[in-house]
Amino acid sequence: MVKIILADDHAILRSGLKEILNIAPDIQLIGEAEDGEELLCLLNKHVPNILMTDMSMPGINGLALIGRIRKYYPELPILVLSMLDDLQLVMRAVNAGIQGYVTKSCSPEILLEAINKVASGGKYIEPRLAERALFSGKAEKSPLEQLSKREHEIFMLLVQGMDAMTIAGRLFISVKTVSTHKSHILEKMDMKNVAELVRYAMQNQLL
């Protein structure tokens, strides 16, 4: 029996998903959450075989939520069910540690196939997304992928609201170095200020 916890902030969608899961006699839904905080509390009480979660929910969500789950539940298989079909977001989610990614427009057959594949220890990307990735050629790098490891680290601290002095103290570097990295980040990402960086982070579920 595959035990699943489902996280999505839309009650109607959760209801529809339960109907699909009921089709399979070997799948059991053991818990539901409508936001990231509720999900983390639920995981403290129940251990599923698979976590099926949306990427966009109130509170902690997206890659930040996946990172938190990976920290506390490193072996828990994660299947993302999202309305977003951006390939760069899919790859960031894969790199963050998910085992599967399907969109909310996929068929019930695709969803059940994904669940079974992930439950058996495999990985699964919705076929149409995998096909797009395969034939897209050498994809242009996203703004974030153009940053160095240190710049990415400082980017994440900036969008979390830290100023240059706080970042300098945290990373044991000078304020001048932080400011230099900040300038490079803005230039590489073609943005004018931190507010635009924050907007980008929110749009891409990085916060």
Protein backbone atom coordinates (compact mmCIF):
# COMPACT_ATOMS: atom_id res chain seq x y z
CA MET A 1 0.00 0.00 0.00
CA VAL A 2 1.38 3.39 -1.05
CA LYS A 3 0.61 5.96 1.64
CA ILE A 4 0.40 9.56 0.40
CA ILE A 5 0.24 12.99 2.00
CA LEU A 6 -1.20 15.65 -0.29
CA ALA A 7 -0.42 19.37 0.02
CA ASP A 8 -2.32 21.96 -2.03
CA ASP A 9 -4.09 25.17 -1.03
CA HIS A 10 -7.11 24.56 -3.29
CA ALA A 11 -9.78 22.43 -1.60
CA ILE A 12 -11.57 21.70 -4.89
CA LEU A 13 -8.36 20.37 -6.42
CA ARG A 14 -7.65 18.19 -3.39
CA SER A 15 -11.16 16.79 -3.65
CA GLY A 16 -10.65 15.94 -7.31
CA LEU A 17 -7.28 14.34 -6.61
CA LYS A 18 -8.83 12.16 -3.91
CA GLU A 19 -11.30 10.86 -6.48
CA ILE A 20 -8.41 9.93 -8.77
CA LEU A 21 -6.45 8.27 -5.96
CA ASN A 22 -9.50 6.23 -5.01
CA ILE A 23 -9.30 4.57 -8.42
CA ALA A 24 -6.16 2.74 -7.35
CA PRO A 25 -6.73 0.08 -4.67
CA ASP A 26 -3.07 0.14 -3.62
CA ILE A 27 -2.95 3.90 -2.85
CA GLN A 28 -4.07 5.41 0.46
CA LEU A 29 -4.32 9.12 1.24
CA ILE A 30 -3.32 9.49 4.90
CA GLY A 31 -3.26 13.27 5.23
CA GLU A 32 -3.91 16.65 3.61
CA ALA A 33 -2.38 20.10 4.09
CA GLU A 34 -3.30 23.46 2.58
CA ASP A 35 -0.01 25.28 3.20
CA GLY A 36 3.65 24.64 3.92
CA GLU A 37 3.48 25.08 7.68
CA GLU A 38 0.54 22.69 8.01
CA LEU A 39 2.40 20.19 5.84
CA LEU A 40 5.49 20.28 8.06
CA CYS A 41 3.32 19.72 11.15
CA LEU A 42 1.57 16.82 9.41
CA LEU A 43 4.87 15.18 8.53
CA ASN A 44 5.78 15.21 12.22
CA LYS A 45 2.76 12.98 12.88
CA HIS A 46 2.58 10.75 9.81
CA VAL A 47 5.24 9.16 7.63
CA PRO A 48 4.00 8.68 4.04
CA ASN A 49 5.61 6.70 1.25
CA ILE A 50 5.22 9.74 -1.01
CA LEU A 51 4.63 13.44 -0.49
CA MET A 52 2.62 14.98 -3.32
CA THR A 53 2.82 18.77 -3.13
CA ASP A 54 2.10 21.94 -5.04
CA MET A 55 4.89 24.48 -5.60
CA SER A 56 2.78 27.58 -4.90
CA MET A 57 1.05 27.71 -1.53
CA PRO A 58 0.64 30.35 1.21
CA GLY A 59 3.58 30.76 3.57
CA ILE A 60 6.69 28.70 2.97
CA ASN A 61 6.44 27.17 -0.49
CA GLY A 62 8.26 26.24 -3.66
CA LEU A 63 11.96 25.47 -3.53
CA ALA A 64 12.18 26.77 0.03
CA LEU A 65 9.62 24.20 1.15
CA ILE A 66 11.38 21.41 -0.73
CA GLY A 67 14.65 22.43 0.90
CA ARG A 68 13.07 22.33 4.36
CA ILE A 69 11.57 18.89 3.73
CA ARG A 70 14.86 17.59 2.38
CA LYS A 71 16.63 18.82 5.52
CA TYR A 72 14.34 16.98 7.94
CA TYR A 73 13.14 14.10 5.75
CA PRO A 74 16.02 13.36 3.35
CA GLU A 75 14.65 9.97 2.26
CA LEU A 76 11.03 11.05 1.65
CA PRO A 77 10.11 10.84 -2.07
CA ILE A 78 8.56 14.09 -3.31
CA LEU A 79 6.23 14.28 -6.30
CA VAL A 80 5.46 17.85 -7.36
CA LEU A 81 2.02 18.55 -8.82
CA SER A 82 2.07 22.08 -10.20
CA MET A 83 0.28 24.36 -12.64
CA LEU A 84 3.72 25.62 -13.73
CA ASP A 85 5.38 23.96 -16.72
CA ASP A 86 8.49 26.13 -16.99
CA LEU A 87 11.43 23.83 -17.76
CA GLN A 88 13.91 25.87 -15.74
CA LEU A 89 11.66 25.66 -12.69
CA VAL A 90 11.31 21.91 -13.22
CA MET A 91 15.09 21.51 -13.32
CA ARG A 92 15.57 23.65 -10.21
CA ALA A 93 13.04 21.46 -8.41
CA VAL A 94 14.85 18.32 -9.58
CA ASN A 95 18.16 19.75 -8.39
CA ALA A 96 16.53 20.58 -5.05
CA GLY A 97 15.81 16.89 -4.56
CA ILE A 98 12.36 15.97 -5.88
CA GLN A 99 11.72 12.57 -7.47
CA GLY A 100 8.86 13.50 -9.79
CA TYR A 101 7.14 16.45 -11.48
CA VAL A 102 3.75 16.53 -13.21
CA THR A 103 1.42 19.40 -14.06
CA LYS A 104 -2.16 19.82 -12.90
CA SER A 105 -3.30 19.47 -16.50
CA CYS A 106 -1.99 15.91 -16.77
CA SER A 107 -4.36 12.97 -17.15
CA PRO A 108 -5.31 10.71 -14.21
CA GLU A 109 -3.36 7.92 -15.92
CA ILE A 110 -0.20 10.05 -16.00
CA LEU A 111 -0.61 10.99 -12.33
CA LEU A 112 -1.05 7.38 -11.22
CA GLU A 113 1.90 6.32 -13.38
CA ALA A 114 4.03 9.00 -11.71
CA ILE A 115 2.97 7.89 -8.23
CA ASN A 116 3.77 4.24 -8.95
CA LYS A 117 7.14 5.10 -10.49
CA VAL A 118 8.20 7.31 -7.59
CA ALA A 119 6.86 4.81 -5.03
CA SER A 120 9.04 2.10 -6.57
CA GLY A 121 12.15 4.24 -6.12
CA GLY A 122 12.27 5.74 -9.61
CA LYS A 123 12.04 9.25 -10.99
CA TYR A 124 9.32 10.65 -13.21
CA ILE A 125 8.87 13.77 -15.31
CA GLU A 126 5.61 14.25 -17.18
CA PRO A 127 6.27 13.01 -20.74
CA ARG A 128 5.40 16.27 -22.50
CA LEU A 129 7.82 18.16 -20.24
CA ALA A 130 10.54 15.57 -20.78
CA GLU A 131 9.97 15.79 -24.54
CA ARG A 132 10.23 19.58 -24.49
CA ALA A 133 13.46 19.35 -22.52
CA LEU A 134 14.87 16.75 -24.91
CA PHE A 135 14.16 18.73 -28.07
CA SER A 136 14.71 22.24 -26.76
CA GLY A 137 18.39 22.07 -27.64
CA LYS A 138 20.84 24.04 -25.54
CA ALA A 139 18.48 26.11 -23.46
CA GLU A 140 19.40 29.67 -22.66
CA LYS A 141 20.52 30.03 -19.08
CA SER A 142 18.06 31.60 -16.69
CA PRO A 143 19.21 34.80 -14.92
CA LEU A 144 19.90 32.87 -11.72
CA GLU A 145 21.99 30.23 -13.49
CA GLN A 146 24.40 32.92 -14.64
CA LEU A 147 25.48 33.62 -11.07
CA SER A 148 28.53 32.09 -9.42
CA LYS A 149 28.09 29.98 -6.29
CA ARG A 150 29.01 32.94 -4.05
CA GLU A 151 26.76 35.32 -5.98
CA HIS A 152 23.87 32.87 -5.67
CA GLU A 153 24.46 32.68 -1.92
CA ILE A 154 24.41 36.47 -1.60
CA PHE A 155 21.37 36.71 -3.89
CA MET A 156 19.40 34.44 -1.54
CA LEU A 157 20.40 36.52 1.49
CA LEU A 158 19.51 39.77 -0.26
CA VAL A 159 16.02 38.61 -1.21
CA GLN A 160 15.49 37.48 2.38
CA GLY A 161 15.89 41.12 3.42
CA MET A 162 19.45 41.18 4.75
CA ASP A 163 21.56 44.31 4.26
CA ALA A 164 25.21 44.37 3.18
CA MET A 165 26.58 44.60 6.73
CA THR A 166 24.52 41.63 7.94
CA ILE A 167 25.55 39.54 4.94
CA ALA A 168 29.20 40.49 5.43
CA GLY A 169 29.09 39.34 9.04
CA ARG A 170 27.34 36.12 8.15
CA LEU A 171 29.75 35.18 5.36
CA PHE A 172 32.88 36.61 7.02
CA ILE A 173 33.64 38.95 4.13
CA SER A 174 33.87 42.74 3.88
CA VAL A 175 30.92 45.02 3.21
CA LYS A 176 32.76 46.24 0.11
CA THR A 177 32.96 42.67 -1.21
CA VAL A 178 29.24 42.20 -0.62
CA SER A 179 28.51 45.44 -2.49
CA THR A 180 30.69 44.31 -5.40
CA HIS A 181 28.89 40.98 -5.59
CA LYS A 182 25.55 42.77 -5.40
CA SER A 183 26.50 44.95 -8.38
CA HIS A 184 27.54 41.88 -10.36
CA ILE A 185 24.27 40.10 -9.47
CA LEU A 186 22.16 43.04 -10.65
CA GLU A 187 24.19 43.32 -13.84
CA LYS A 188 24.07 39.61 -14.69
CA MET A 189 20.34 39.37 -13.95
CA ASP A 190 19.63 42.64 -15.78
CA MET A 191 17.84 44.15 -12.80
CA LYS A 192 17.99 47.60 -11.25
CA ASN A 193 17.58 47.02 -7.52
CA VAL A 194 16.93 44.52 -4.74
CA ALA A 195 13.16 44.99 -5.08
CA GLU A 196 13.36 43.50 -8.58
CA LEU A 197 15.45 40.62 -7.22
CA VAL A 198 12.79 39.94 -4.60
CA ARG A 199 10.06 40.03 -7.24
CA TYR A 200 12.02 37.54 -9.35
CA ALA A 201 12.52 35.26 -6.33
CA MET A 202 8.81 35.30 -5.50
CA GLN A 203 7.76 34.65 -9.11
CA ASN A 204 10.08 31.64 -9.23
CA GLN A 205 9.08 30.19 -5.83
CA LEU A 206 12.50 30.86 -4.31
CA LEU A 207 10.97 32.42 -1.19
